[in-house]
Amino acid sequence: MLDKIGEVVARYDEIERQMSDPQVLADHIKLTELAQERAEMIPLVESYQRYQKLSRELDETRDLIALEDDPEMVELATEEIEQLSLEIEALDKKMRSLLVPKDPRDDKNVYLEIRAGAGGDEAGIFGADLLRMYTRYAEARKWKTQIASENRTGVGGYKEVVLLVKGKGAFSRFKFESGVHRVQRVPVTESQGRIHTSTATVAVMPEVDDVEITLDEKDLEITPEFSSGPGGQHMQKNATAARIVHKPSGLMVKIQSERSLTQNKRLGMAIIQARLQDAGLAKQHAELAADRKAQVGSGDRSEKIRTYNYPQARVTDHRIGLTLYNLHGVMNGGLDSFIDALTVADEAEKLAAAESDY
């Protein structure tokens, strides 16, 4: 581990030298890039410097005990050794955590794509419940939300709905929601009062920068359409909705949330970009799955990740074995307990993998 930290410190020192170079100081773009890279290294470098200082103090105190005859001084030195050892141990854990690479997508905006699964109309209603849960969670964090695409059912649910969440760190908080969500309850459509099990699938896709995936216009089939549902006189007279098909993959999206065709085309293309990147990442995860036992955060949608049991007011996340009897709070956006626990589990897994390389 210390060898890896030494490499980081060497790079940090090199950046410091470069940032004092007159040529670099005159290049604002290069200077900004170096400053950002340096800022990411500061917590690890400062922790390492503190670690070295305390390690020297620990060695000096141990040497003092070896030479000291005064019992009272030995006792004080022993207490100091205990305190130094505890702080060094804490710094060691912190540095190991800081060595785990940060997901470069964490700060991005995110698309949440919710699809009704097994369960008929109840699955669509459950999809609407998940949409409300995620919307309330985002609003509590002062993030902006927008329904980018929707396909409603006739009973207040969704066959499919795409929610765009804009806010720094949105992907980092939602990325573990990808998978199959299961609900157990008496549906409003059930007259016999029997408990049914239904599912909805959630896909979590970071908003894609233009430089990451570039769509070729030749691969797109864009058809203007009239917006469905209430939209006012403007929408009734003009074909403002955009139906976009990505021919190579068969992906299709219809966007009517914006007031102009151009805006809907732009948003539709952004969603297709995000879906294409998500598909590429899913393929990478599938290739890595054989080498990984834990699947936290893998985005594998074939496995059930969470169960919402209404009779018991229970929510269980099956990936980490966490159960909370606070269904009402969770469905109203109280997801932090699950997200925090999943984040810790993911970091522990990555740390274990990183330590195997030391």
Protein backbone atom coordinates (compact mmCIF):
# COMPACT_ATOMS: atom_id res chain seq x y z
CA MET A 1 0.00 0.00 0.00
CA LEU A 2 2.75 2.44 0.93
CA ASP A 3 4.39 1.88 -2.45
CA LYS A 4 1.17 2.91 -4.20
CA ILE A 5 0.85 5.96 -1.97
CA GLY A 6 4.46 6.81 -2.78
CA GLU A 7 3.54 6.85 -6.48
CA VAL A 8 0.68 9.25 -5.76
CA VAL A 9 2.94 11.52 -3.71
CA ALA A 10 5.54 11.52 -6.50
CA ARG A 11 2.86 12.54 -8.99
CA TYR A 12 1.63 15.22 -6.58
CA ASP A 13 5.15 16.66 -6.32
CA GLU A 14 5.48 16.60 -10.10
CA ILE A 15 2.20 18.52 -10.46
CA GLU A 16 3.44 21.09 -7.95
CA ARG A 17 6.56 21.61 -10.07
CA GLN A 18 4.56 21.88 -13.28
CA MET A 19 2.16 24.42 -11.78
CA SER A 20 5.10 26.72 -11.03
CA ASP A 21 6.37 26.49 -14.61
CA PRO A 22 5.81 29.81 -16.47
CA GLN A 23 4.68 27.98 -19.62
CA VAL A 24 2.04 26.05 -17.69
CA LEU A 25 0.94 29.21 -15.85
CA ALA A 26 0.28 30.78 -19.25
CA ASP A 27 -1.85 27.81 -20.36
CA HIS A 28 -5.12 28.20 -18.45
CA ILE A 29 -6.59 24.90 -19.67
CA LYS A 30 -3.52 22.89 -18.64
CA LEU A 31 -3.32 24.74 -15.34
CA THR A 32 -6.97 23.97 -14.57
CA GLU A 33 -6.51 20.28 -15.38
CA LEU A 34 -3.47 20.05 -13.11
CA ALA A 35 -5.25 21.94 -10.32
CA GLN A 36 -8.19 19.50 -10.47
CA GLU A 37 -5.87 16.48 -10.42
CA ARG A 38 -3.95 17.96 -7.51
CA ALA A 39 -7.14 18.68 -5.55
CA GLU A 40 -8.17 15.02 -5.80
CA MET A 41 -4.81 13.94 -4.37
CA ILE A 42 -4.68 16.35 -1.42
CA PRO A 43 -6.67 14.21 1.11
CA LEU A 44 -4.40 11.19 0.50
CA VAL A 45 -1.16 13.20 0.49
CA GLU A 46 -2.06 15.05 3.70
CA SER A 47 -3.09 11.80 5.40
CA TYR A 48 0.20 10.20 4.35
CA GLN A 49 2.21 13.15 5.67
CA ARG A 50 0.37 12.90 8.99
CA TYR A 51 0.93 9.13 9.00
CA GLN A 52 4.70 9.59 8.53
CA LYS A 53 4.89 12.22 11.27
CA LEU A 54 3.04 10.04 13.80
CA SER A 55 5.09 6.99 12.85
CA ARG A 56 8.29 8.92 13.62
CA GLU A 57 6.83 10.06 16.95
CA LEU A 58 5.88 6.46 17.76
CA ASP A 59 9.41 5.23 17.09
CA GLU A 60 10.91 8.02 19.20
CA THR A 61 8.56 7.28 22.10
CA ARG A 62 9.40 3.58 22.01
CA ASP A 63 13.11 4.45 22.06
CA LEU A 64 12.45 6.72 25.05
CA ILE A 65 10.82 3.88 27.00
CA ALA A 66 13.82 1.65 26.32
CA LEU A 67 16.13 4.24 27.92
CA GLU A 68 13.85 5.57 30.68
CA ASP A 69 14.15 4.41 34.30
CA ASP A 70 11.44 6.62 35.82
CA PRO A 71 8.24 4.50 36.18
CA GLU A 72 6.02 7.59 35.91
CA MET A 73 7.67 8.64 32.64
CA VAL A 74 7.34 5.10 31.31
CA GLU A 75 3.64 5.12 32.13
CA LEU A 76 3.11 8.45 30.33
CA ALA A 77 5.09 7.23 27.32
CA THR A 78 3.05 4.01 27.24
CA GLU A 79 -0.20 6.00 27.15
CA GLU A 80 1.21 8.13 24.33
CA ILE A 81 2.13 4.99 22.38
CA GLU A 82 -1.45 3.72 22.70
CA GLN A 83 -2.87 7.04 21.42
CA LEU A 84 -0.40 7.23 18.55
CA SER A 85 -1.09 3.63 17.58
CA LEU A 86 -4.84 4.26 17.45
CA GLU A 87 -4.45 7.36 15.28
CA ILE A 88 -2.00 5.59 12.97
CA GLU A 89 -4.44 2.69 12.61
CA ALA A 90 -7.26 5.11 11.73
CA LEU A 91 -5.05 6.85 9.15
CA ASP A 92 -4.13 3.51 7.66
CA LYS A 93 -7.81 2.69 7.09
CA LYS A 94 -8.46 6.15 5.69
CA MET A 95 -5.57 5.91 3.22
CA ARG A 96 -6.69 2.48 2.05
CA SER A 97 -10.15 3.89 1.41
CA LEU A 98 -8.73 6.91 -0.45
CA LEU A 99 -6.74 4.58 -2.71
CA VAL A 100 -9.98 3.08 -4.06
CA PRO A 101 -10.61 4.74 -7.44
CA LYS A 102 -13.61 7.06 -7.54
CA ASP A 103 -16.29 6.29 -10.09
CA PRO A 104 -15.88 9.10 -12.67
CA ARG A 105 -19.66 9.06 -13.27
CA ASP A 106 -20.59 9.79 -9.65
CA ASP A 107 -21.15 13.54 -10.04
CA LYS A 108 -23.29 13.26 -13.17
CA ASN A 109 -27.00 13.81 -13.66
CA VAL A 110 -28.94 10.57 -14.00
CA TYR A 111 -31.81 8.99 -15.91
CA LEU A 112 -34.00 6.56 -13.96
CA GLU A 113 -35.91 4.29 -16.33
CA ILE A 114 -38.75 2.43 -14.59
CA ARG A 115 -40.59 -0.37 -16.41
CA ALA A 116 -43.55 -2.45 -15.26
CA GLY A 117 -42.62 -6.11 -14.86
CA ALA A 118 -44.68 -9.12 -13.83
CA GLY A 119 -48.05 -8.41 -12.28
CA GLY A 120 -50.21 -6.69 -14.88
CA ASP A 121 -51.81 -3.39 -13.89
CA GLU A 122 -50.42 -3.67 -10.34
CA ALA A 123 -46.87 -3.69 -11.73
CA GLY A 124 -47.58 -0.40 -13.49
CA ILE A 125 -49.02 1.11 -10.30
CA PHE A 126 -45.94 -0.04 -8.40
CA GLY A 127 -43.81 1.64 -11.07
CA ALA A 128 -45.66 4.89 -10.31
CA ASP A 129 -44.95 4.38 -6.61
CA LEU A 130 -41.23 3.99 -7.32
CA LEU A 131 -41.31 7.12 -9.47
CA ARG A 132 -42.84 9.10 -6.58
CA MET A 133 -40.29 7.60 -4.14
CA TYR A 134 -37.32 8.64 -6.29
CA THR A 135 -38.81 12.06 -7.02
CA ARG A 136 -39.29 12.80 -3.32
CA TYR A 137 -35.78 11.61 -2.52
CA ALA A 138 -34.34 13.91 -5.19
CA GLU A 139 -36.44 16.88 -4.08
CA ALA A 140 -35.30 16.41 -0.47
CA ARG A 141 -31.73 16.85 -1.73
CA LYS A 142 -32.73 20.00 -3.67
CA TRP A 143 -32.16 18.30 -7.04
CA LYS A 144 -34.27 19.12 -10.09
CA THR A 145 -36.47 16.40 -11.59
CA GLN A 146 -38.17 16.08 -14.95
CA ILE A 147 -40.20 13.30 -16.52
CA ALA A 148 -38.41 12.87 -19.84
CA SER A 149 -40.59 10.11 -21.29
CA GLU A 150 -43.70 8.25 -20.15
CA ASN A 151 -46.10 5.57 -21.28
CA ARG A 152 -49.06 5.46 -18.91
CA THR A 153 -51.52 2.69 -18.17
CA GLY A 154 -55.23 3.30 -17.76
CA VAL A 155 -55.24 2.76 -13.99
CA GLY A 156 -52.77 5.36 -12.78
CA GLY A 157 -49.59 3.45 -13.48
CA TYR A 158 -46.81 3.35 -16.04
CA LYS A 159 -45.73 0.78 -18.57
CA GLU A 160 -42.52 2.80 -18.73
CA VAL A 161 -41.35 6.16 -17.42
CA VAL A 162 -37.97 7.93 -17.57
CA LEU A 163 -37.11 10.42 -14.82
CA LEU A 164 -34.22 12.84 -15.32
CA VAL A 165 -32.58 13.97 -12.05
CA LYS A 166 -30.21 16.94 -12.23
CA GLY A 167 -27.86 17.55 -9.34
CA LYS A 168 -24.23 17.11 -8.36
CA GLY A 169 -23.72 13.55 -7.15
CA ALA A 170 -27.07 12.26 -8.43
CA PHE A 171 -25.57 9.17 -10.04
CA SER A 172 -23.55 8.33 -6.93
CA ARG A 173 -26.74 8.14 -4.86
CA PHE A 174 -28.98 6.36 -7.36
CA LYS A 175 -26.56 3.92 -9.01
CA PHE A 176 -27.39 1.05 -6.66
CA GLU A 177 -31.13 1.23 -7.50
CA SER A 178 -30.61 -0.63 -10.79
CA GLY A 179 -32.36 -4.00 -10.74
CA VAL A 180 -35.66 -5.78 -10.11
CA HIS A 181 -37.84 -4.34 -7.34
CA ARG A 182 -40.57 -6.59 -5.91
CA VAL A 183 -43.74 -5.54 -4.11
CA GLN A 184 -46.01 -7.74 -1.99
CA ARG A 185 -49.42 -6.26 -1.18
CA VAL A 186 -53.13 -6.35 -1.86
CA PRO A 187 -53.56 -4.48 -5.18
CA VAL A 188 -56.20 -1.78 -5.49
CA THR A 189 -57.40 -3.74 -8.53
CA GLU A 190 -57.94 -6.92 -6.45
CA SER A 191 -61.48 -7.40 -5.13
CA GLN A 192 -60.75 -10.59 -3.14
CA GLY A 193 -58.19 -9.02 -0.80
CA ARG A 194 -55.41 -11.44 -1.71
CA ILE A 195 -51.73 -10.50 -1.48
CA HIS A 196 -50.07 -10.37 -4.88
CA THR A 197 -46.42 -10.18 -5.86
CA SER A 198 -45.51 -7.79 -8.66
CA THR A 199 -42.26 -6.40 -10.00
CA ALA A 200 -40.85 -3.33 -11.69
CA THR A 201 -37.43 -2.94 -13.26
CA VAL A 202 -35.25 0.12 -12.67
CA ALA A 203 -32.36 1.08 -14.95
CA VAL A 204 -29.99 3.81 -13.77
CA MET A 205 -28.06 5.63 -16.49
CA PRO A 206 -25.70 8.59 -16.06
CA GLU A 207 -26.29 11.47 -18.43
CA VAL A 208 -23.77 11.08 -21.24
CA ASP A 209 -21.43 13.83 -22.35
CA ASP A 210 -21.33 14.45 -26.08
CA VAL A 211 -17.68 13.37 -26.19
CA GLU A 212 -18.47 9.95 -24.70
CA ILE A 213 -20.88 8.62 -27.31
CA THR A 214 -21.54 10.40 -30.58
CA LEU A 215 -24.70 9.44 -32.41
CA ASP A 216 -24.50 9.27 -36.20
CA GLU A 217 -27.53 10.97 -37.74
CA LYS A 218 -27.55 8.23 -40.40
CA ASP A 219 -28.32 5.69 -37.66
CA LEU A 220 -31.36 7.62 -36.41
CA GLU A 221 -34.92 7.56 -37.71
CA ILE A 222 -36.60 10.71 -36.37
CA THR A 223 -40.34 11.10 -36.87
CA PRO A 224 -42.31 14.17 -35.71
CA GLU A 225 -45.61 13.22 -34.06
CA PHE A 226 -48.51 14.95 -32.38
CA SER A 227 -48.35 14.86 -28.60
CA SER A 228 -50.87 12.66 -26.86
CA GLY A 229 -52.96 13.71 -23.90
CA PRO A 230 -53.72 17.23 -22.68
CA GLY A 231 -51.15 19.65 -23.93
CA GLY A 232 -52.94 22.83 -24.83
CA GLN A 233 -53.72 24.43 -28.17
CA HIS A 234 -50.04 24.69 -29.17
CA MET A 235 -49.46 20.95 -28.90
CA GLN A 236 -52.71 20.07 -30.66
CA LYS A 237 -51.86 22.07 -33.79
CA ASN A 238 -48.17 21.21 -34.13
CA ALA A 239 -46.28 17.94 -34.33
CA THR A 240 -43.93 18.71 -31.44
CA ALA A 241 -43.32 15.19 -30.16
CA ALA A 242 -40.30 13.30 -31.46
CA ARG A 243 -40.17 9.55 -32.09
CA ILE A 244 -36.54 8.48 -32.42
CA VAL A 245 -35.32 5.02 -33.40
CA HIS A 246 -31.66 4.05 -33.22
CA LYS A 247 -31.58 1.60 -36.14
CA PRO A 248 -28.43 -0.39 -35.26
CA SER A 249 -29.69 -1.28 -31.77
CA GLY A 250 -33.45 -0.99 -32.25
CA LEU A 251 -33.74 1.39 -29.30
CA MET A 252 -36.80 3.64 -29.55
CA VAL A 253 -37.94 6.61 -27.53
CA LYS A 254 -40.83 9.04 -27.89
CA ILE A 255 -40.43 12.42 -26.19
CA GLN A 256 -43.22 14.96 -25.78
CA SER A 257 -42.32 16.66 -22.50
CA GLU A 258 -40.85 19.76 -24.16
CA ARG A 259 -42.79 22.37 -26.13
CA SER A 260 -40.80 22.28 -29.36
CA LEU A 261 -39.78 19.50 -31.73
CA THR A 262 -36.13 20.57 -31.53
CA GLN A 263 -36.10 20.34 -27.72
CA ASN A 264 -37.80 16.94 -27.76
CA LYS A 265 -35.33 15.64 -30.37
CA ARG A 266 -32.40 16.80 -28.25
CA LEU A 267 -33.77 15.15 -25.10
CA GLY A 268 -34.65 11.96 -26.98
CA MET A 269 -31.14 11.66 -28.39
CA ALA A 270 -29.68 12.20 -24.91
CA ILE A 271 -31.76 9.31 -23.55
CA ILE A 272 -30.67 7.02 -26.38
CA GLN A 273 -27.05 7.99 -25.70
CA ALA A 274 -27.48 7.09 -22.04
CA ARG A 275 -29.14 3.77 -22.91
CA LEU A 276 -26.33 2.84 -25.30
CA GLN A 277 -23.69 3.58 -22.68
CA ASP A 278 -25.67 1.65 -20.07
CA ALA A 279 -25.85 -1.34 -22.43
CA GLY A 280 -22.10 -1.17 -22.95
CA LEU A 281 -21.47 -1.05 -19.20
CA ALA A 282 -23.88 -3.96 -18.63
CA LYS A 283 -21.85 -6.02 -21.11
CA GLN A 284 -18.66 -5.18 -19.21
CA HIS A 285 -20.30 -6.19 -15.92
CA ALA A 286 -21.39 -9.50 -17.44
CA GLU A 287 -17.83 -10.22 -18.49
CA LEU A 288 -16.55 -9.39 -15.00
CA ALA A 289 -19.32 -11.25 -13.13
CA ALA A 290 -17.52 -14.60 -13.39
CA ASP A 291 -14.60 -13.13 -11.47
CA ARG A 292 -16.66 -11.35 -8.82
CA LYS A 293 -18.68 -12.95 -6.06
CA ALA A 294 -20.44 -9.83 -4.84
CA GLN A 295 -22.83 -8.09 -7.21
CA VAL A 296 -23.43 -4.85 -5.28
CA GLY A 297 -23.80 -2.09 -7.82
CA SER A 298 -23.31 -4.37 -10.82
CA GLY A 299 -26.53 -3.27 -12.49
CA ASP A 300 -27.54 -6.91 -13.08
CA ARG A 301 -31.28 -6.57 -13.65
CA SER A 302 -31.96 -10.30 -13.70
CA GLU A 303 -31.75 -10.54 -9.91
CA LYS A 304 -34.26 -9.28 -7.37
CA ILE A 305 -32.57 -6.54 -5.37
CA ARG A 306 -35.28 -5.29 -3.01
CA THR A 307 -38.68 -6.35 -1.65
CA TYR A 308 -41.37 -3.97 -0.41
CA ASN A 309 -43.77 -5.95 1.83
CA TYR A 310 -46.85 -3.89 2.71
CA PRO A 311 -48.56 -6.27 5.21
CA GLN A 312 -45.43 -6.25 7.37
CA ALA A 313 -44.43 -2.62 6.55
CA ARG A 314 -41.06 -4.15 5.67
CA VAL A 315 -38.41 -3.28 3.08
CA THR A 316 -35.54 -5.73 2.51
CA ASP A 317 -32.48 -5.19 0.35
CA HIS A 318 -31.34 -8.69 -0.60
CA ARG A 319 -27.82 -7.70 -1.69
CA ILE A 320 -26.72 -6.63 1.77
CA GLY A 321 -29.36 -8.38 3.91
CA LEU A 322 -30.68 -5.11 5.33
CA THR A 323 -34.31 -5.01 6.50
CA LEU A 324 -36.15 -1.92 7.72
CA TYR A 325 -39.68 -1.84 9.12
CA ASN A 326 -40.27 1.66 7.83
CA LEU A 327 -42.09 1.09 4.55
CA HIS A 328 -44.02 4.38 4.71
CA GLY A 329 -40.86 6.40 5.21
CA VAL A 330 -38.98 4.59 2.43
CA MET A 331 -41.80 5.01 -0.09
CA ASN A 332 -41.80 8.73 0.74
CA GLY A 333 -38.16 9.06 -0.23
CA GLY A 334 -36.36 7.83 2.89
CA LEU A 335 -33.74 5.85 1.00
CA ASP A 336 -30.57 7.05 2.70
CA SER A 337 -30.25 4.07 5.06
CA PHE A 338 -30.17 1.67 2.11
CA ILE A 339 -28.02 3.87 -0.11
CA ASP A 340 -25.46 4.51 2.65
CA ALA A 341 -25.21 0.79 3.48
CA LEU A 342 -24.85 -0.16 -0.20
CA THR A 343 -22.15 2.48 -0.65
CA VAL A 344 -20.18 1.12 2.32
CA ALA A 345 -20.52 -2.46 1.00
CA ASP A 346 -19.37 -1.41 -2.46
CA GLU A 347 -16.36 0.48 -1.08
CA ALA A 348 -15.42 -2.51 1.09
CA GLU A 349 -15.54 -4.79 -1.94
CA LYS A 350 -13.42 -2.44 -4.03
CA LEU A 351 -10.98 -2.01 -1.15
CA ALA A 352 -10.60 -5.78 -0.80
CA ALA A 353 -9.95 -6.05 -4.52
CA ALA A 354 -7.39 -3.23 -4.39
CA GLU A 355 -5.61 -4.75 -1.39
CA SER A 356 -5.23 -8.05 -3.24
CA ASP A 357 -2.99 -6.15 -5.66
CA TYR A 358 -0.73 -4.71 -2.97
